[in-house]
Amino acid sequence: MLGAGTHNDLGLTEPLETEPRCFHTRPFLVMDGNRFTGALTATINDPRLRGLPPVGAIDQFVDSTDVTRFSDRRRRYITGPGLGTPQLEQ
């Protein structure tokens, strides 16, 4: 697929499989983007950057319709233990 091929062409990580795969047991083909995120994150050498929490939409980190559907649950997840705003020292 285009995104996977582009990722490999950039040479930022070891080449990753570019063929889509089934989404769990469902008949939907996906790229499983976590593989790319993991490979890229593994190349970060700065300990301050490696220590930062992931950034993105909640549905990238939570696979629960109960959490994503109800705003009070989303807020509890986002502000839960260990998920405070990190501060980079200058």
C-alpha atoms as a PDB file:
ATOM      1  CA  MET A   1       0.000   0.000   0.000  1.00  0.00           C
ATOM      2  CA  LEU A   2       1.095   3.548  -0.667  1.00  0.00           C
ATOM      3  CA  GLY A   3       1.755   4.685   2.923  1.00  0.00           C
ATOM      4  CA  ALA A   4       3.685   1.546   3.836  1.00  0.00           C
ATOM      5  CA  GLY A   5       5.798   1.753   0.704  1.00  0.00           C
ATOM      6  CA  THR A   6       6.563   5.409   1.352  1.00  0.00           C
ATOM      7  CA  HIS A   7       7.541   4.579   4.929  1.00  0.00           C
ATOM      8  CA  ASN A   8       9.966   1.943   3.684  1.00  0.00           C
ATOM      9  CA  ASP A   9      11.328   4.239   0.953  1.00  0.00           C
ATOM     10  CA  LEU A  10      12.255   6.858   3.569  1.00  0.00           C
ATOM     11  CA  GLY A  11      14.568   4.363   5.274  1.00  0.00           C
ATOM     12  CA  LEU A  12      13.829   5.624   8.785  1.00  0.00           C
ATOM     13  CA  THR A  13      13.368   2.066  10.088  1.00  0.00           C
ATOM     14  CA  GLU A  14      13.991  -1.427   8.865  1.00  0.00           C
ATOM     15  CA  PRO A  15      11.528  -2.190   6.051  1.00  0.00           C
ATOM     16  CA  LEU A  16       8.118  -3.316   7.276  1.00  0.00           C
ATOM     17  CA  GLU A  17       5.612  -5.619   5.606  1.00  0.00           C
ATOM     18  CA  THR A  18       3.492  -3.600   3.182  1.00  0.00           C
ATOM     19  CA  GLU A  19       0.591  -5.997   2.683  1.00  0.00           C
ATOM     20  CA  PRO A  20      -2.673  -5.200   4.465  1.00  0.00           C
ATOM     21  CA  ARG A  21      -3.991  -7.701   6.983  1.00  0.00           C
ATOM     22  CA  CYS A  22      -7.369  -8.582   8.439  1.00  0.00           C
ATOM     23  CA  PHE A  23      -8.671  -6.440  11.272  1.00  0.00           C
ATOM     24  CA  HIS A  24      -8.799  -9.023  14.074  1.00  0.00           C
ATOM     25  CA  THR A  25     -11.303 -11.654  12.898  1.00  0.00           C
ATOM     26  CA  ARG A  26     -13.265  -9.208  10.777  1.00  0.00           C
ATOM     27  CA  PRO A  27     -13.154  -9.195   6.968  1.00  0.00           C
ATOM     28  CA  PHE A  28     -11.654  -5.698   6.754  1.00  0.00           C
ATOM     29  CA  LEU A  29      -8.131  -5.139   5.486  1.00  0.00           C
ATOM     30  CA  VAL A  30      -5.999  -2.637   7.419  1.00  0.00           C
ATOM     31  CA  MET A  31      -2.342  -1.655   7.525  1.00  0.00           C
ATOM     32  CA  ASP A  32      -2.003  -2.115  11.301  1.00  0.00           C
ATOM     33  CA  GLY A  33      -0.411   1.289  11.749  1.00  0.00           C
ATOM     34  CA  ASN A  34       0.846   0.421  15.236  1.00  0.00           C
ATOM     35  CA  ARG A  35       3.690  -1.468  13.562  1.00  0.00           C
ATOM     36  CA  PHE A  36       4.906   1.745  11.945  1.00  0.00           C
ATOM     37  CA  THR A  37       4.468   3.772  15.119  1.00  0.00           C
ATOM     38  CA  GLY A  38       6.397   1.187  17.126  1.00  0.00           C
ATOM     39  CA  ALA A  39       9.226   1.006  14.608  1.00  0.00           C
ATOM     40  CA  LEU A  40       9.559   4.794  14.463  1.00  0.00           C
ATOM     41  CA  THR A  41       9.329   5.204  18.239  1.00  0.00           C
ATOM     42  CA  ALA A  42      12.092   2.630  18.681  1.00  0.00           C
ATOM     43  CA  THR A  43      14.460   4.938  16.767  1.00  0.00           C
ATOM     44  CA  ILE A  44      14.074   7.834  19.245  1.00  0.00           C
ATOM     45  CA  ASN A  45      17.324   8.135  21.192  1.00  0.00           C
ATOM     46  CA  ASP A  46      16.650  11.233  23.301  1.00  0.00           C
ATOM     47  CA  PRO A  47      15.461   9.995  26.737  1.00  0.00           C
ATOM     48  CA  ARG A  48      13.356  13.135  27.270  1.00  0.00           C
ATOM     49  CA  LEU A  49      11.427  12.455  24.080  1.00  0.00           C
ATOM     50  CA  ARG A  50      11.151   8.721  24.757  1.00  0.00           C
ATOM     51  CA  GLY A  51       9.630   9.533  28.153  1.00  0.00           C
ATOM     52  CA  LEU A  52       6.779  11.575  26.717  1.00  0.00           C
ATOM     53  CA  PRO A  53       3.344   9.946  26.560  1.00  0.00           C
ATOM     54  CA  PRO A  54       1.879   9.210  23.138  1.00  0.00           C
ATOM     55  CA  VAL A  55      -0.094  11.970  21.431  1.00  0.00           C
ATOM     56  CA  GLY A  56      -3.184  11.520  19.299  1.00  0.00           C
ATOM     57  CA  ALA A  57      -6.903  10.926  19.300  1.00  0.00           C
ATOM     58  CA  ILE A  58      -8.282   8.713  22.063  1.00  0.00           C
ATOM     59  CA  ASP A  59      -9.432   6.050  19.608  1.00  0.00           C
ATOM     60  CA  GLN A  60      -5.786   5.479  18.696  1.00  0.00           C
ATOM     61  CA  PHE A  61      -5.122   4.255  22.237  1.00  0.00           C
ATOM     62  CA  VAL A  62      -8.438   2.882  23.483  1.00  0.00           C
ATOM     63  CA  ASP A  63     -10.345   0.067  21.834  1.00  0.00           C
ATOM     64  CA  SER A  64     -13.507   0.439  23.896  1.00  0.00           C
ATOM     65  CA  THR A  65     -16.747   1.913  22.636  1.00  0.00           C
ATOM     66  CA  ASP A  66     -17.769   2.511  26.261  1.00  0.00           C
ATOM     67  CA  VAL A  67     -14.809   4.845  26.735  1.00  0.00           C
ATOM     68  CA  THR A  68     -15.031   6.603  23.388  1.00  0.00           C
ATOM     69  CA  ARG A  69     -18.821   6.981  23.483  1.00  0.00           C
ATOM     70  CA  PHE A  70     -19.223   8.669  26.881  1.00  0.00           C
ATOM     71  CA  SER A  71     -17.431  11.972  27.474  1.00  0.00           C
ATOM     72  CA  ASP A  72     -17.056  11.457  31.252  1.00  0.00           C
ATOM     73  CA  ARG A  73     -15.239   8.171  30.643  1.00  0.00           C
ATOM     74  CA  ARG A  74     -13.025   9.766  27.994  1.00  0.00           C
ATOM     75  CA  ARG A  75     -12.046  12.512  30.429  1.00  0.00           C
ATOM     76  CA  ARG A  76     -11.246   9.985  33.175  1.00  0.00           C
ATOM     77  CA  TYR A  77      -9.067   8.001  30.783  1.00  0.00           C
ATOM     78  CA  ILE A  78      -7.248  11.067  29.464  1.00  0.00           C
ATOM     79  CA  THR A  79      -6.557  12.466  32.941  1.00  0.00           C
ATOM     80  CA  GLY A  80      -5.874   9.100  34.587  1.00  0.00           C
ATOM     81  CA  PRO A  81      -2.770   8.174  36.586  1.00  0.00           C
ATOM     82  CA  GLY A  82       0.472   8.748  34.735  1.00  0.00           C
ATOM     83  CA  LEU A  83      -1.161  10.699  31.940  1.00  0.00           C
ATOM     84  CA  GLY A  84      -0.498  14.204  33.194  1.00  0.00           C
ATOM     85  CA  THR A  85       1.075  16.844  31.017  1.00  0.00           C
ATOM     86  CA  PRO A  86       4.837  16.242  30.862  1.00  0.00           C
ATOM     87  CA  GLN A  87       7.224  19.161  31.122  1.00  0.00           C
ATOM     88  CA  LEU A  88      10.416  19.317  29.082  1.00  0.00           C
ATOM     89  CA  GLU A  89      13.291  20.987  30.863  1.00  0.00           C
ATOM     90  CA  GLN A  90      14.969  23.757  28.914  1.00  0.00           C
END
